[in-house]
Amino acid sequence: MRVPRSRAWSARATGRARTLACGLARVLLGAALTAAPLQPRAGVAAPPHDAGPAEHAVPARPGGPAGPAGPSASAGATALTATAATAPPTAAADETAIASPPAASAPATAAAAGSPGRTTVVRQPRDFGHVVGDMLTQRVLLQDGDRTLRPVRLPPADRVGPWLERRTPRIEADAEGRRWLAIDYQFVNAPRALTTTQLPALAIVTAPEPGARASRQGERAADGGPALAVPAWPVSIGPLSAPTPSLDPAALRPDAPVRLDSTAALERRLGASASALALVLAAWLGWWWWRERRESVRLPFARAERELRRLDPASAASWQRLHRALNASAGRVVPAAGLAHWLEERPELKPLQDRLEDFYRRSGRRFFDPDGAAAGVDEACDLLGLCRALRRAERRHAR
């Protein structure tokens, strides 16, 4: 069945008019919602300005890399801004999305048609209580709706005015996986009085991450991202010391008196340490005396040395006493012929073999050769010195 040409033309005109009416209604509704002021929820107090680092969402730079969009894109952007403006604040949230309202003299539809309506979330540092050397960190959220952005050009590391120096920016990720551009500023000068300066305003050109999903109808992931507008932020810096109003010596305060700490506890600890040291020394001396006494009774050469001190070195009793000490140490009688065999059994006495052989030779001449005894062959033999050497070797071996 063939449709008349006039009827087909009427159907197309009706569809176009309906589309235009829907688009106009969306624009008017979005502009009205954007112009509505933010109403805080009852029972929730707005956070104070100096409570800590602040976060603000500022409108995106008009005419950014994305460019102006058609009616559908403008309507979507207006709806996104209206949603951010009408969302109620929460007490736990530390980020506030604030969309800048259009100028009073401009029509409500001009903001939607002339700007994309995007917002930039900026986490500002504390704006007071700073001195020279302090580091301030400004963070910008690299996100546009559902898209993750990446900066195309970063702000250079350079001196910013007489008070601040900007470090090389870096990209961080928070616990929620969101990416932030962190910009560090450091105070490099100290004023003489409290001074207020500003972190400079920035326009950060961005681009979507490769493979990112488009956040608006009619926008491709390969298109350029928005320019993130970071507003200037005032901060104050204080001097290192208070200014001296006068150099008059009479205005100077006297030196503070030195507080004398009590030394009673220190004296008690010193006395306890000295007592413990004396006790240890006394115990060591007592142990040494007991060991020497025990060895003088137990060891043969130690007993012989104590007795030789009371005897005449030239008497026959001294020679006989040393012989008895040698026999007691060996556990048997040690003749001159068996001296070498006994020294093999007692290697600690081996270094004294020459002196022992000389002692036995002189002892044989004294007791078995009357002519040698009459000639005084024993005068050159040091019995006490030989006994002391034997006692030292015997003590080393016993320990």
Protein backbone atom coordinates (compact mmCIF):
# COMPACT_ATOMS: atom_id res chain seq x y z
CA MET A 1 0.00 0.00 0.00
CA ARG A 2 1.54 3.33 -0.96
CA VAL A 3 1.59 6.14 1.69
CA PRO A 4 0.83 9.62 0.36
CA ARG A 5 3.79 11.99 0.27
CA SER A 6 2.04 14.64 2.39
CA ARG A 7 1.40 12.17 5.24
CA ALA A 8 5.06 11.03 5.36
CA TRP A 9 6.25 14.64 5.47
CA SER A 10 3.85 15.37 8.37
CA ALA A 11 5.16 12.40 10.39
CA ARG A 12 8.79 13.53 9.97
CA ALA A 13 7.97 17.08 11.05
CA THR A 14 6.13 15.84 14.12
CA GLY A 15 9.15 13.70 15.22
CA ARG A 16 11.57 16.60 14.81
CA ALA A 17 9.38 18.92 16.85
CA ARG A 18 9.10 16.34 19.62
CA THR A 19 12.88 15.92 19.75
CA LEU A 20 13.45 19.67 19.94
CA ALA A 21 10.85 20.02 22.71
CA CYS A 22 12.48 17.26 24.81
CA GLY A 23 15.93 18.80 24.42
CA LEU A 24 14.69 22.27 25.40
CA ALA A 25 12.93 20.83 28.47
CA ARG A 26 16.15 19.08 29.58
CA VAL A 27 18.19 22.26 29.21
CA LEU A 28 15.69 24.35 31.19
CA LEU A 29 15.42 21.73 33.94
CA GLY A 30 19.22 21.37 34.27
CA ALA A 31 19.73 25.15 34.42
CA ALA A 32 17.12 25.48 37.14
CA LEU A 33 18.72 22.75 39.25
CA THR A 34 22.20 24.26 38.76
CA ALA A 35 21.03 27.67 39.96
CA ALA A 36 19.49 26.18 43.11
CA PRO A 37 21.73 26.84 46.22
CA LEU A 38 23.21 23.99 48.23
CA GLN A 39 21.11 23.11 51.27
CA PRO A 40 23.03 21.36 54.09
CA ARG A 41 21.27 18.42 55.68
CA ALA A 42 19.72 19.05 59.07
CA GLY A 43 21.90 17.99 62.01
CA VAL A 44 25.20 18.00 60.04
CA ALA A 45 27.57 20.90 60.69
CA ALA A 46 29.89 22.15 58.00
CA PRO A 47 33.57 21.41 58.74
CA PRO A 48 35.59 24.39 60.01
CA HIS A 49 37.97 26.07 57.68
CA ASP A 50 41.07 25.35 59.81
CA ALA A 51 40.21 21.77 60.78
CA GLY A 52 42.81 20.38 58.41
CA PRO A 53 43.51 19.89 54.72
CA ALA A 54 40.51 21.02 52.69
CA GLU A 55 39.17 19.54 49.48
CA HIS A 56 37.27 21.66 46.99
CA ALA A 57 35.82 20.86 43.63
CA VAL A 58 36.18 23.72 41.21
CA PRO A 59 34.61 24.00 37.75
CA ALA A 60 36.64 22.80 34.81
CA ARG A 61 38.28 25.35 32.56
CA PRO A 62 35.85 26.41 29.80
CA GLY A 63 36.87 25.60 26.30
CA GLY A 64 39.24 22.81 27.37
CA PRO A 65 40.62 20.11 25.14
CA ALA A 66 37.19 18.42 25.05
CA GLY A 67 35.62 21.44 23.35
CA PRO A 68 31.95 22.46 23.43
CA ALA A 69 29.41 19.68 22.87
CA GLY A 70 25.98 19.53 21.20
CA PRO A 71 22.60 19.68 22.89
CA SER A 72 22.77 16.09 24.16
CA ALA A 73 26.26 16.58 25.65
CA SER A 74 25.22 19.91 27.20
CA ALA A 75 22.17 18.33 28.74
CA GLY A 76 24.26 15.47 30.17
CA ALA A 77 26.85 17.90 31.59
CA THR A 78 24.13 20.02 33.16
CA ALA A 79 22.55 16.96 34.74
CA LEU A 80 25.97 15.88 36.17
CA THR A 81 26.52 19.32 37.70
CA ALA A 82 23.01 19.37 39.12
CA THR A 83 23.53 15.96 40.72
CA ALA A 84 26.76 17.13 42.40
CA ALA A 85 25.07 20.30 43.62
CA THR A 86 22.00 18.62 45.10
CA ALA A 87 23.77 15.69 46.78
CA PRO A 88 23.51 16.09 50.59
CA PRO A 89 26.84 16.36 52.48
CA THR A 90 27.85 13.69 54.98
CA ALA A 91 29.75 14.14 58.26
CA ALA A 92 32.40 11.50 57.41
CA ALA A 93 33.20 12.73 53.91
CA ASP A 94 36.28 14.93 53.53
CA GLU A 95 35.67 15.91 49.92
CA THR A 96 33.17 18.56 48.88
CA ALA A 97 32.02 18.92 45.29
CA ILE A 98 31.01 22.53 44.67
CA ALA A 99 29.92 23.62 41.23
CA SER A 100 30.34 27.34 40.58
CA PRO A 101 26.98 28.95 39.73
CA PRO A 102 26.79 31.05 36.57
CA ALA A 103 27.05 34.81 36.74
CA ALA A 104 23.91 36.67 37.71
CA SER A 105 23.94 38.71 34.53
CA ALA A 106 24.31 35.69 32.24
CA PRO A 107 21.43 33.42 31.34
CA ALA A 108 21.18 30.06 33.13
CA THR A 109 21.63 28.17 29.88
CA ALA A 110 24.91 29.93 29.06
CA ALA A 111 26.87 27.96 31.66
CA ALA A 112 25.59 24.66 30.31
CA ALA A 113 26.20 25.56 26.70
CA GLY A 114 29.45 27.38 27.14
CA SER A 115 31.29 25.05 29.65
CA PRO A 116 31.36 21.29 30.04
CA GLY A 117 30.18 21.59 33.69
CA ARG A 118 32.98 19.38 35.01
CA THR A 119 34.39 19.82 38.52
CA THR A 120 37.96 19.40 39.82
CA VAL A 121 38.48 17.90 43.26
CA VAL A 122 41.47 19.54 45.00
CA ARG A 123 42.75 18.57 48.46
CA GLN A 124 44.37 21.69 49.87
CA PRO A 125 46.99 21.75 52.68
CA ARG A 126 46.58 23.49 56.03
CA ASP A 127 46.61 27.24 55.54
CA PHE A 128 48.18 28.34 58.84
CA GLY A 129 50.93 27.50 61.34
CA HIS A 130 53.86 27.17 58.91
CA VAL A 131 57.52 28.20 59.26
CA VAL A 132 60.55 28.01 57.01
CA GLY A 133 61.36 24.44 55.91
CA ASP A 134 57.77 23.17 56.16
CA MET A 135 56.45 21.08 53.25
CA LEU A 136 52.94 21.60 51.89
CA THR A 137 51.27 19.01 49.64
CA GLN A 138 48.45 19.92 47.25
CA ARG A 139 46.58 16.96 45.70
CA VAL A 140 44.41 17.02 42.57
CA LEU A 141 42.09 14.10 41.76
CA LEU A 142 42.87 12.70 38.30
CA GLN A 143 39.34 11.62 37.51
CA ASP A 144 36.50 12.89 35.34
CA GLY A 145 33.33 11.02 36.14
CA ASP A 146 34.16 7.37 35.54
CA ARG A 147 37.29 8.12 33.56
CA THR A 148 40.83 8.08 34.97
CA LEU A 149 42.96 10.92 33.62
CA ARG A 150 46.66 11.38 33.20
CA PRO A 151 48.43 14.74 33.10
CA VAL A 152 49.88 15.70 29.74
CA ARG A 153 52.16 18.42 31.12
CA LEU A 154 53.19 18.65 34.76
CA PRO A 155 53.94 21.92 36.54
CA PRO A 156 57.72 22.45 36.51
CA ALA A 157 59.85 22.29 39.65
CA ASP A 158 60.74 25.94 40.15
CA ARG A 159 60.81 28.84 42.59
CA VAL A 160 57.34 30.27 43.24
CA GLY A 161 57.65 33.79 44.60
CA PRO A 162 59.93 34.85 47.45
CA TRP A 163 58.65 32.26 49.94
CA LEU A 164 57.88 28.99 48.14
CA GLU A 165 59.65 26.47 45.96
CA ARG A 166 57.75 23.81 44.01
CA ARG A 167 59.11 20.27 43.90
CA THR A 168 58.68 17.76 41.08
CA PRO A 169 55.02 16.58 41.08
CA ARG A 170 54.21 12.90 41.51
CA ILE A 171 51.19 10.63 41.13
CA GLU A 172 49.81 8.74 44.15
CA ALA A 173 46.98 6.29 44.71
CA ASP A 174 44.72 6.24 47.77
CA ALA A 175 43.07 3.30 49.51
CA GLU A 176 40.10 3.45 47.12
CA GLY A 177 42.34 3.15 44.06
CA ARG A 178 41.85 6.76 42.95
CA ARG A 179 44.85 8.53 41.45
CA TRP A 180 45.96 11.94 42.75
CA LEU A 181 48.49 14.39 41.39
CA ALA A 182 50.58 15.44 44.43
CA ILE A 183 52.36 18.81 44.18
CA ASP A 184 54.79 19.65 47.00
CA TYR A 185 55.68 23.20 48.01
CA GLN A 186 58.36 24.07 50.55
CA PHE A 187 58.89 27.32 52.41
CA VAL A 188 62.46 28.48 51.71
CA ASN A 189 62.45 31.89 53.41
CA ALA A 190 61.47 33.14 56.87
CA PRO A 191 59.71 36.49 57.18
CA ARG A 192 60.29 38.92 60.01
CA ALA A 193 56.55 39.03 60.77
CA LEU A 194 53.52 36.89 60.03
CA THR A 195 53.00 36.90 56.27
CA THR A 196 50.32 35.49 53.97
CA THR A 197 51.17 34.17 50.53
CA GLN A 198 49.40 31.94 48.00
CA LEU A 199 49.91 28.64 46.30
CA PRO A 200 49.64 29.58 42.62
CA ALA A 201 46.64 28.73 40.49
CA LEU A 202 47.27 26.01 37.91
CA ALA A 203 45.59 24.66 34.78
CA ILE A 204 46.65 21.05 34.31
CA VAL A 205 46.10 19.69 30.82
CA THR A 206 45.03 16.03 30.97
CA ALA A 207 44.19 13.14 28.69
CA PRO A 208 42.25 9.92 29.36
CA GLU A 209 44.19 6.80 30.26
CA PRO A 210 44.51 4.38 27.32
CA GLY A 211 41.48 2.07 27.23
CA ALA A 212 39.39 4.34 29.47
CA ARG A 213 35.59 4.23 29.10
CA ALA A 214 33.82 7.33 27.85
CA SER A 215 31.93 9.20 30.56
CA ARG A 216 29.42 10.99 28.30
CA GLN A 217 27.33 10.17 25.33
CA GLY A 218 29.02 11.02 22.08
CA GLU A 219 32.52 11.23 23.69
CA ARG A 220 35.28 8.75 22.81
CA ALA A 221 38.02 7.55 25.16
CA ALA A 222 40.64 8.69 22.68
CA ASP A 223 39.46 12.33 22.95
CA GLY A 224 41.35 14.82 25.06
CA GLY A 225 40.55 15.10 28.76
CA PRO A 226 39.45 18.23 30.63
CA ALA A 227 41.84 20.91 31.85
CA LEU A 228 41.91 20.59 35.66
CA ALA A 229 41.71 24.09 37.15
CA VAL A 230 43.45 24.38 40.53
CA PRO A 231 42.62 27.66 42.29
CA ALA A 232 45.07 29.73 44.27
CA TRP A 233 45.20 28.84 47.96
CA PRO A 234 46.26 31.31 50.69
CA VAL A 235 48.72 30.10 53.34
CA SER A 236 50.45 31.94 56.15
CA ILE A 237 54.08 31.68 57.28
CA GLY A 238 55.40 32.91 60.59
CA PRO A 239 58.86 34.14 61.65
CA LEU A 240 61.37 31.94 63.40
CA SER A 241 61.53 34.25 66.42
CA ALA A 242 59.55 37.16 67.74
CA PRO A 243 60.92 40.58 66.78
CA THR A 244 62.91 42.35 69.47
CA PRO A 245 61.16 45.66 70.26
CA SER A 246 64.12 47.19 72.07
CA LEU A 247 67.81 46.56 72.57
CA ASP A 248 67.90 48.34 75.94
CA PRO A 249 69.81 46.10 78.40
CA ALA A 250 67.44 47.18 81.16
CA ALA A 251 64.58 45.55 79.27
CA LEU A 252 66.30 42.18 79.25
CA ARG A 253 65.19 39.72 81.87
CA PRO A 254 67.78 38.24 84.26
CA ASP A 255 69.01 34.74 83.80
CA ALA A 256 66.69 32.08 85.07
CA PRO A 257 67.98 30.45 88.26
CA VAL A 258 69.42 26.99 87.80
CA ARG A 259 67.33 24.34 89.45
CA LEU A 260 69.46 22.06 91.60
CA ASP A 261 68.44 18.46 91.23
CA SER A 262 68.55 16.23 94.27
CA THR A 263 71.55 13.90 94.34
CA ALA A 264 70.25 11.62 97.08
CA ALA A 265 69.18 8.90 94.65
CA LEU A 266 72.51 9.13 92.81
CA GLU A 267 74.42 8.88 96.08
CA ARG A 268 72.42 5.82 97.10
CA ARG A 269 73.14 4.11 93.79
CA LEU A 270 76.84 5.03 94.08
CA GLY A 271 77.01 3.60 97.61
CA ALA A 272 75.29 0.39 96.51
CA SER A 273 77.70 0.02 93.59
CA ALA A 274 80.73 0.62 95.80
CA SER A 275 79.47 -1.94 98.32
CA ALA A 276 78.92 -4.50 95.59
CA LEU A 277 82.43 -3.86 94.24
CA ALA A 278 83.98 -4.25 97.69
CA LEU A 279 82.05 -7.47 98.21
CA VAL A 280 83.27 -8.88 94.91
CA LEU A 281 86.87 -7.93 95.66
CA ALA A 282 86.66 -9.48 99.12
CA ALA A 283 85.19 -12.67 97.68
CA TRP A 284 87.94 -12.84 95.07
CA LEU A 285 90.68 -12.28 97.66
CA GLY A 286 89.14 -14.91 99.92
CA TRP A 287 88.98 -17.41 97.08
CA TRP A 288 92.60 -16.69 96.11
CA TRP A 289 93.82 -17.14 99.70
CA TRP A 290 91.82 -20.39 100.04
CA ARG A 291 93.27 -21.76 96.77
CA GLU A 292 96.83 -20.90 97.77
CA ARG A 293 96.32 -22.49 101.17
CA ARG A 294 94.86 -25.64 99.67
CA GLU A 295 97.65 -25.99 97.12
CA SER A 296 100.31 -25.43 99.75
CA VAL A 297 98.93 -28.40 101.65
CA ARG A 298 98.03 -30.67 98.73
CA LEU A 299 100.89 -30.20 96.23
CA PRO A 300 104.28 -31.81 97.09
CA PHE A 301 106.54 -29.04 95.80
CA ALA A 302 104.39 -26.33 97.47
CA ARG A 303 104.86 -28.06 100.85
CA ALA A 304 108.59 -28.47 100.19
CA GLU A 305 108.96 -24.77 99.31
CA ARG A 306 107.28 -23.72 102.56
CA GLU A 307 109.64 -25.95 104.57
CA LEU A 308 112.81 -24.96 102.63
CA ARG A 309 112.26 -21.35 103.64
CA ARG A 310 112.91 -22.36 107.26
CA LEU A 311 115.93 -24.61 106.53
CA ASP A 312 119.53 -23.78 105.83
CA PRO A 313 120.21 -24.25 102.08
CA ALA A 314 123.64 -25.78 102.83
CA SER A 315 122.31 -28.38 105.27
CA ALA A 316 121.71 -32.00 104.33
CA ALA A 317 118.07 -31.66 105.48
CA SER A 318 117.37 -29.22 102.62
CA TRP A 319 118.67 -31.72 100.04
CA GLN A 320 116.75 -34.55 101.59
CA ARG A 321 113.53 -32.49 101.68
CA LEU A 322 113.72 -31.80 97.94
CA HIS A 323 114.34 -35.49 97.26
CA ARG A 324 111.24 -36.39 99.28
CA ALA A 325 109.20 -33.86 97.26
CA LEU A 326 110.37 -35.46 93.98
CA ASN A 327 109.46 -38.92 95.24
CA ALA A 328 106.02 -37.73 96.47
CA SER A 329 105.27 -36.10 93.11
CA ALA A 330 106.22 -39.28 91.21
CA GLY A 331 104.53 -41.63 93.69
CA ARG A 332 107.72 -43.68 93.94
CA VAL A 333 111.43 -43.28 94.54
CA VAL A 334 113.07 -41.43 91.62
CA PRO A 335 116.78 -42.31 91.31
CA ALA A 336 119.19 -40.47 89.05
CA ALA A 337 118.99 -43.27 86.47
CA GLY A 338 115.17 -43.09 86.33
CA LEU A 339 114.95 -39.29 86.09
CA ALA A 340 114.63 -39.23 82.28
CA HIS A 341 111.86 -41.87 82.32
CA TRP A 342 109.93 -39.93 84.98
CA LEU A 343 110.19 -36.68 83.02
CA GLU A 344 108.64 -38.47 80.03
CA GLU A 345 105.62 -39.15 82.24
CA ARG A 346 105.54 -35.53 83.46
CA PRO A 347 105.93 -33.35 80.34
CA GLU A 348 105.15 -30.17 82.32
CA LEU A 349 108.51 -30.64 84.12
CA LYS A 350 110.48 -31.33 80.93
CA PRO A 351 111.81 -27.74 80.65
CA LEU A 352 113.54 -28.21 84.06
CA GLN A 353 115.38 -31.40 83.05
CA ASP A 354 118.84 -29.78 82.96
CA ARG A 355 118.45 -28.28 86.43
CA LEU A 356 117.12 -31.56 87.85
CA GLU A 357 120.05 -33.55 86.37
CA ASP A 358 122.48 -31.01 87.88
CA PHE A 359 120.69 -31.38 91.24
CA TYR A 360 121.01 -35.18 91.16
CA ARG A 361 124.68 -34.98 90.15
CA ARG A 362 125.50 -32.59 92.99
CA SER A 363 123.40 -34.62 95.43
CA GLY A 364 125.34 -37.82 94.53
CA ARG A 365 128.68 -36.10 95.06
CA ARG A 366 127.50 -34.64 98.37
CA PHE A 367 126.19 -37.85 99.91
CA PHE A 368 128.38 -40.50 98.21
CA ASP A 369 131.70 -38.63 97.65
CA PRO A 370 133.19 -37.33 100.91
CA ASP A 371 135.89 -35.43 99.06
CA GLY A 372 133.34 -33.55 96.97
CA ALA A 373 131.28 -32.66 100.02
CA ALA A 374 134.35 -31.36 101.78
CA ALA A 375 135.15 -29.18 98.74
CA GLY A 376 131.72 -27.47 98.93
CA VAL A 377 130.30 -28.54 95.54
CA ASP A 378 126.77 -27.75 96.75
CA GLU A 379 127.30 -24.05 97.20
CA ALA A 380 126.34 -23.19 93.59
CA CYS A 381 123.04 -25.14 93.67
CA ASP A 382 119.96 -22.98 94.41
CA LEU A 383 117.59 -25.47 96.07
CA LEU A 384 114.87 -22.91 96.89
CA GLY A 385 114.82 -21.50 93.33
CA LEU A 386 114.60 -25.02 91.84
CA CYS A 387 111.77 -25.90 94.21
CA ARG A 388 109.86 -22.73 93.25
CA ALA A 389 110.19 -23.51 89.53
CA LEU A 390 108.91 -27.05 90.17
CA ARG A 391 106.02 -25.65 92.23
CA ARG A 392 104.96 -23.24 89.44
CA ALA A 393 104.99 -26.01 86.82
CA GLU A 394 103.10 -28.28 89.15
CA ARG A 395 100.44 -25.60 89.84
CA ARG A 396 99.90 -24.87 86.11
CA HIS A 397 99.39 -28.57 85.49
CA ALA A 398 97.02 -28.96 88.46
CA ARG A 399 94.75 -26.12 87.22
